[in-house]
Amino acid sequence: MRYWWDAVRTFSYWRYALFSGEAIAKLFGALGVLYLLVDIADAFKVYTKDKHSQYGLILMLVPALLFVLFTRRPVSRVRYKVPKKDFTYEVKIGDLFKQPGEIVISSSTTFDTDMSSGLISTASLQGQVATLFFNGQTVEIDRQIEASLARDQYEINEERPGKKKQYPLGTVARVSAHGRNFYFVAMSHMNPNGTAYSDPRMMEQALQNLWQNMILKAEHGPMVMPLMGTGRGRVAMPRHKVIERIAQSFADATQQAAFSNKLTIMIRPEDASRFSINLFQVRDYLTRSLDV
């Protein structure tokens, strides 16, 4: 409900709800239907046009506006089908793990999984994967990560806690459980104190390499991912900008290879309210500024 009120208070919502081409078309359509009903009522002498004629326009305009607003009230997701292309974007507020598709999860460049020492938080998405799909047992996750990374290059970093093999940004490790595929992507480094960190430049590099690795390791199907780097990755960038970067990187990658026909970017409900994420602004970007 809070997100609903946050959206209503923005200019982007009202531009979408009342002043967009689609909204104006709906308004005139509703006015046309109302005028037709008045004509029918007048023909059968149920209601004659001369009654309240001075208020006639207002009497039709108000219900028409209410109809348009009702059909264009704040939403929890927006979709954009790229014209003349075979792929679609969806930005949605909800639970990442309840969405069908291939799920992308951010990780460190060393792919640490140890939750018992506190190196990986149980509240993180990676920790939730371990808890929800592996019963908290990270041994099997480590085994699948090692198998997936068998052919990837790495360097040894003895200065950090946990695992010592450090992979390039954007490296992808695939793990599977209960019929779901998860792709851990190296999005951040971890300092000697065990704190993950990233920045916009690192995120750009990780996204570019992510899709190249997904072409090699992922099954062809819908991709689902969170706002990468905005949580424990500590990327200093507004959420709507992160959405734009992710969407554009996916568009760039699909120019080279057809590895997926849909990307869903998930936003946690608490983030949508806390950071006033406006899906109407997101839709404006996808429809007007996305370079595809």
Protein backbone atom coordinates (compact mmCIF):
# COMPACT_ATOMS: atom_id res chain seq x y z
CA MET A 1 0.00 0.00 0.00
CA ARG A 2 2.87 2.36 0.79
CA TYR A 3 4.29 1.83 -2.68
CA TRP A 4 0.86 2.71 -4.13
CA TRP A 5 0.83 6.08 -2.35
CA ASP A 6 4.48 6.76 -3.26
CA ALA A 7 3.68 6.22 -6.94
CA VAL A 8 0.54 8.40 -6.86
CA ARG A 9 2.58 11.35 -5.57
CA THR A 10 4.96 11.37 -8.56
CA PHE A 11 4.67 13.37 -11.78
CA SER A 12 5.60 10.29 -13.81
CA TYR A 13 2.49 8.50 -12.56
CA TRP A 14 0.14 11.31 -13.59
CA ARG A 15 1.88 11.71 -16.92
CA TYR A 16 1.30 8.02 -17.53
CA ALA A 17 -2.21 7.96 -16.03
CA LEU A 18 -3.73 11.02 -17.70
CA PHE A 19 -1.40 12.68 -20.19
CA SER A 20 0.05 9.81 -22.21
CA GLY A 21 -1.30 9.01 -25.67
CA GLU A 22 -2.90 5.79 -24.44
CA ALA A 23 -4.63 7.59 -21.56
CA ILE A 24 -6.03 10.31 -23.83
CA ALA A 25 -7.29 7.67 -26.25
CA LYS A 26 -9.04 5.88 -23.39
CA LEU A 27 -10.56 9.16 -22.20
CA PHE A 28 -12.07 9.97 -25.61
CA GLY A 29 -13.24 6.38 -25.96
CA ALA A 30 -15.03 6.57 -22.62
CA LEU A 31 -16.59 9.91 -23.56
CA GLY A 32 -17.79 8.39 -26.83
CA VAL A 33 -19.45 5.48 -25.01
CA LEU A 34 -21.12 7.83 -22.52
CA TYR A 35 -22.39 10.09 -25.29
CA LEU A 36 -23.79 7.05 -27.11
CA LEU A 37 -25.62 6.00 -23.94
CA VAL A 38 -27.06 9.51 -23.62
CA ASP A 39 -28.24 9.35 -27.25
CA ILE A 40 -29.92 6.00 -26.62
CA ALA A 41 -31.56 7.32 -23.45
CA ASP A 42 -32.74 10.40 -25.34
CA ALA A 43 -34.17 8.29 -28.18
CA PHE A 44 -36.25 6.25 -25.74
CA LYS A 45 -37.17 9.34 -23.68
CA VAL A 46 -35.46 7.84 -20.64
CA TYR A 47 -33.31 10.93 -20.37
CA THR A 48 -33.48 13.95 -22.67
CA LYS A 49 -30.44 15.97 -23.64
CA ASP A 50 -32.00 19.26 -22.60
CA LYS A 51 -31.92 18.18 -18.95
CA HIS A 52 -28.88 19.56 -17.15
CA SER A 53 -27.43 20.51 -20.55
CA GLN A 54 -25.22 23.19 -18.99
CA TYR A 55 -23.49 20.48 -16.93
CA GLY A 56 -23.55 17.81 -19.61
CA LEU A 57 -19.83 17.88 -20.41
CA ILE A 58 -18.86 17.76 -16.76
CA LEU A 59 -21.30 14.92 -16.06
CA MET A 60 -19.64 12.86 -18.79
CA LEU A 61 -16.06 14.01 -18.19
CA VAL A 62 -15.92 13.08 -14.50
CA PRO A 63 -16.90 9.39 -14.89
CA ALA A 64 -14.67 9.14 -17.99
CA LEU A 65 -11.69 10.44 -15.97
CA LEU A 66 -12.48 8.06 -13.11
CA PHE A 67 -12.61 5.17 -15.58
CA VAL A 68 -9.19 6.10 -17.02
CA LEU A 69 -7.63 6.44 -13.55
CA PHE A 70 -9.08 3.10 -12.46
CA THR A 71 -7.61 1.31 -15.48
CA ARG A 72 -4.24 3.03 -15.01
CA ARG A 73 -3.76 2.83 -11.27
CA PRO A 74 -0.26 2.13 -9.81
CA VAL A 75 1.09 -1.29 -10.72
CA SER A 76 3.62 -3.70 -9.26
CA ARG A 77 5.18 -4.52 -12.63
CA VAL A 78 5.76 -3.04 -16.06
CA ARG A 79 6.55 -4.85 -19.30
CA TYR A 80 8.10 -3.72 -22.54
CA LYS A 81 8.17 -5.77 -25.73
CA VAL A 82 10.95 -4.47 -27.95
CA PRO A 83 9.48 -3.60 -31.37
CA LYS A 84 10.58 -5.93 -34.16
CA LYS A 85 12.62 -7.98 -31.67
CA ASP A 86 11.96 -11.32 -30.01
CA PHE A 87 12.66 -10.31 -26.43
CA THR A 88 10.78 -8.64 -23.60
CA TYR A 89 11.71 -6.75 -20.45
CA GLU A 90 9.78 -6.95 -17.20
CA VAL A 91 10.48 -4.99 -14.03
CA LYS A 92 8.54 -6.39 -11.11
CA ILE A 93 8.16 -5.82 -7.37
CA GLY A 94 8.09 -9.14 -5.56
CA ASP A 95 9.94 -12.26 -4.41
CA LEU A 96 12.84 -13.25 -6.68
CA PHE A 97 12.54 -16.95 -5.86
CA LYS A 98 8.85 -17.16 -6.77
CA GLN A 99 9.53 -16.22 -10.39
CA PRO A 100 9.95 -18.91 -13.05
CA GLY A 101 13.15 -18.84 -15.08
CA GLU A 102 16.92 -18.92 -14.80
CA ILE A 103 17.87 -16.99 -11.64
CA VAL A 104 20.99 -14.82 -11.50
CA ILE A 105 22.51 -14.20 -8.05
CA SER A 106 25.40 -11.85 -7.27
CA SER A 107 28.44 -13.26 -5.51
CA SER A 108 32.01 -12.28 -4.75
CA THR A 109 34.88 -12.99 -7.14
CA THR A 110 35.92 -15.88 -4.87
CA PHE A 111 32.44 -17.45 -4.73
CA ASP A 112 32.49 -17.88 -0.95
CA THR A 113 29.57 -19.75 0.59
CA ASP A 114 30.53 -20.06 4.28
CA MET A 115 27.62 -18.85 6.40
CA SER A 116 28.71 -20.41 9.71
CA SER A 117 31.55 -17.91 10.12
CA GLY A 118 29.37 -14.97 9.04
CA LEU A 119 31.38 -14.43 5.85
CA ILE A 120 28.15 -14.87 3.88
CA SER A 121 24.99 -13.53 5.49
CA THR A 122 22.02 -15.87 5.76
CA ALA A 123 19.85 -12.86 4.80
CA SER A 124 21.68 -12.33 1.51
CA LEU A 125 20.24 -13.79 -1.69
CA GLN A 126 23.10 -16.27 -1.82
CA GLY A 127 22.36 -17.26 1.77
CA GLN A 128 18.68 -17.65 0.93
CA VAL A 129 19.53 -19.99 -1.95
CA ALA A 130 21.51 -22.16 0.47
CA THR A 131 18.72 -22.14 3.06
CA LEU A 132 15.71 -22.56 0.78
CA PHE A 133 17.09 -24.99 -1.78
CA PHE A 134 20.05 -26.77 -0.09
CA ASN A 135 18.80 -27.03 3.51
CA GLY A 136 21.63 -24.76 4.59
CA GLN A 137 24.27 -27.25 3.43
CA THR A 138 26.92 -25.43 1.41
CA VAL A 139 29.07 -28.49 0.67
CA GLU A 140 26.92 -29.40 -2.34
CA ILE A 141 26.90 -25.78 -3.48
CA ASP A 142 30.70 -25.70 -3.32
CA ARG A 143 30.92 -28.95 -5.27
CA GLN A 144 28.71 -27.60 -8.08
CA ILE A 145 30.56 -24.28 -8.12
CA GLU A 146 33.91 -26.04 -8.49
CA ALA A 147 32.54 -28.19 -11.31
CA SER A 148 31.08 -25.19 -13.12
CA LEU A 149 34.31 -23.18 -12.81
CA ALA A 150 36.63 -26.05 -13.81
CA ARG A 151 37.60 -24.35 -17.10
CA ASP A 152 37.60 -20.74 -15.89
CA GLN A 153 40.83 -18.87 -15.20
CA TYR A 154 41.62 -17.58 -11.73
CA GLU A 155 44.41 -16.18 -9.59
CA ILE A 156 45.34 -16.93 -6.00
CA ASN A 157 44.69 -14.20 -3.44
CA GLU A 158 46.17 -15.11 -0.05
CA GLU A 159 45.28 -11.79 1.58
CA ARG A 160 41.57 -12.39 1.94
CA PRO A 161 39.53 -14.70 4.21
CA GLY A 162 37.66 -17.71 2.91
CA LYS A 163 38.45 -19.13 -0.50
CA LYS A 164 41.66 -18.06 -2.19
CA LYS A 165 40.78 -18.57 -5.86
CA GLN A 166 39.75 -15.21 -7.29
CA TYR A 167 37.93 -15.12 -10.65
CA PRO A 168 37.40 -12.20 -13.07
CA LEU A 169 34.33 -10.01 -12.64
CA GLY A 170 31.37 -11.45 -14.51
CA THR A 171 32.47 -15.08 -14.12
CA VAL A 172 29.43 -17.34 -13.73
CA ALA A 173 29.06 -20.52 -11.65
CA ARG A 174 25.94 -22.58 -12.21
CA VAL A 175 24.28 -24.58 -9.43
CA SER A 176 21.00 -26.51 -9.55
CA ALA A 177 18.50 -27.80 -7.02
CA HIS A 178 14.85 -28.90 -7.07
CA GLY A 179 14.59 -28.27 -10.80
CA ARG A 180 15.81 -24.67 -10.50
CA ASN A 181 19.01 -23.25 -11.98
CA PHE A 182 20.96 -20.52 -10.17
CA TYR A 183 23.82 -18.59 -11.69
CA PHE A 184 26.21 -17.02 -9.21
CA VAL A 185 27.96 -14.13 -10.90
CA ALA A 186 31.19 -12.54 -9.62
CA MET A 187 30.00 -8.98 -9.00
CA SER A 188 32.12 -7.76 -6.06
CA HIS A 189 35.50 -8.16 -4.43
CA MET A 190 35.94 -9.01 -0.78
CA ASN A 191 38.48 -7.09 1.31
CA PRO A 192 40.73 -8.68 3.99
CA ASN A 193 38.05 -7.91 6.60
CA GLY A 194 35.49 -10.02 4.73
CA THR A 195 33.44 -7.06 3.49
CA ALA A 196 32.20 -7.11 -0.11
CA TYR A 197 32.57 -3.97 -2.19
CA SER A 198 31.89 -2.89 -5.76
CA ASP A 199 31.54 0.32 -7.79
CA PRO A 200 29.85 1.41 -11.05
CA ARG A 201 32.91 0.58 -13.16
CA MET A 202 33.14 -2.91 -11.67
CA MET A 203 29.42 -3.42 -12.20
CA GLU A 204 29.71 -2.43 -15.86
CA GLN A 205 32.51 -4.92 -16.38
CA ALA A 206 30.65 -7.65 -14.49
CA LEU A 207 27.46 -7.15 -16.51
CA GLN A 208 29.33 -7.22 -19.80
CA ASN A 209 31.07 -10.49 -18.92
CA LEU A 210 27.96 -11.92 -17.27
CA TRP A 211 25.97 -12.23 -20.47
CA GLN A 212 28.92 -13.65 -22.39
CA ASN A 213 29.24 -16.37 -19.76
CA MET A 214 25.50 -16.96 -19.69
CA ILE A 215 25.61 -17.67 -23.41
CA LEU A 216 28.03 -20.52 -22.61
CA LYS A 217 26.53 -21.86 -19.38
CA ALA A 218 22.81 -21.03 -19.24
CA GLU A 219 19.83 -22.84 -20.66
CA HIS A 220 17.79 -20.87 -23.19
CA GLY A 221 14.91 -19.44 -21.21
CA PRO A 222 13.66 -16.40 -19.28
CA MET A 223 16.30 -14.71 -17.11
CA VAL A 224 15.41 -13.40 -13.63
CA MET A 225 17.73 -11.22 -11.59
CA PRO A 226 17.67 -8.74 -8.69
CA LEU A 227 19.09 -5.21 -8.61
CA MET A 228 22.68 -6.40 -8.71
CA GLY A 229 25.18 -4.67 -6.45
CA THR A 230 22.70 -2.46 -4.60
CA GLY A 231 22.70 -4.54 -1.42
CA ARG A 232 25.88 -5.92 0.04
CA GLY A 233 27.78 -4.99 -3.13
CA ARG A 234 27.47 -1.36 -2.00
CA VAL A 235 27.37 0.15 -5.49
CA ALA A 236 26.81 3.90 -5.08
CA MET A 237 24.14 4.27 -7.77
CA PRO A 238 20.38 4.97 -7.64
CA ARG A 239 18.18 1.92 -8.10
CA HIS A 240 16.53 3.18 -11.28
CA LYS A 241 19.98 3.72 -12.80
CA VAL A 242 20.94 0.15 -11.94
CA ILE A 243 17.79 -1.06 -13.73
CA GLU A 244 18.78 0.98 -16.79
CA ARG A 245 22.33 -0.43 -16.80
CA ILE A 246 21.12 -4.02 -16.47
CA ALA A 247 18.51 -3.59 -19.21
CA GLN A 248 20.97 -1.96 -21.61
CA SER A 249 23.64 -4.59 -21.00
CA PHE A 250 21.10 -7.33 -21.77
CA ALA A 251 20.04 -5.51 -24.95
CA ASP A 252 23.67 -5.23 -26.06
CA ALA A 253 24.28 -8.93 -25.44
CA THR A 254 21.19 -10.04 -27.36
CA GLN A 255 22.56 -8.25 -30.42
CA GLN A 256 25.33 -10.88 -30.50
CA ALA A 257 23.53 -14.10 -29.58
CA ALA A 258 19.98 -15.30 -28.89
CA PHE A 259 20.39 -16.81 -25.41
CA SER A 260 17.11 -15.60 -23.85
CA ASN A 261 13.91 -13.93 -24.97
CA LYS A 262 12.94 -12.34 -21.64
CA LEU A 263 14.65 -10.54 -18.78
CA THR A 264 12.81 -9.94 -15.50
CA ILE A 265 14.40 -7.54 -13.03
CA MET A 266 13.03 -8.08 -9.52
CA ILE A 267 12.75 -5.37 -6.86
CA ARG A 268 12.17 -6.21 -3.21
CA PRO A 269 8.93 -4.63 -1.90
CA GLU A 270 10.80 -2.96 0.96
CA ASP A 271 13.28 -1.41 -1.50
CA ALA A 272 10.46 -0.12 -3.71
CA SER A 273 9.02 1.83 -0.78
CA ARG A 274 12.27 2.82 0.91
CA PHE A 275 13.92 4.19 -2.23
CA SER A 276 10.71 5.42 -3.94
CA ILE A 277 11.30 3.33 -7.05
CA ASN A 278 8.92 4.57 -9.72
CA LEU A 279 7.93 1.91 -12.25
CA PHE A 280 6.43 4.56 -14.51
CA GLN A 281 9.84 6.22 -14.81
CA VAL A 282 11.31 2.80 -15.54
CA ARG A 283 8.73 2.20 -18.25
CA ASP A 284 9.50 5.62 -19.75
CA TYR A 285 13.17 4.69 -19.98
CA LEU A 286 12.56 1.28 -21.51
CA THR A 287 10.21 2.65 -24.16
CA ARG A 288 12.12 5.81 -25.04
CA SER A 289 15.79 5.52 -24.20
CA LEU A 290 16.78 1.85 -24.44
CA ASP A 291 19.22 1.41 -27.32
CA VAL A 292 18.28 -1.84 -29.09
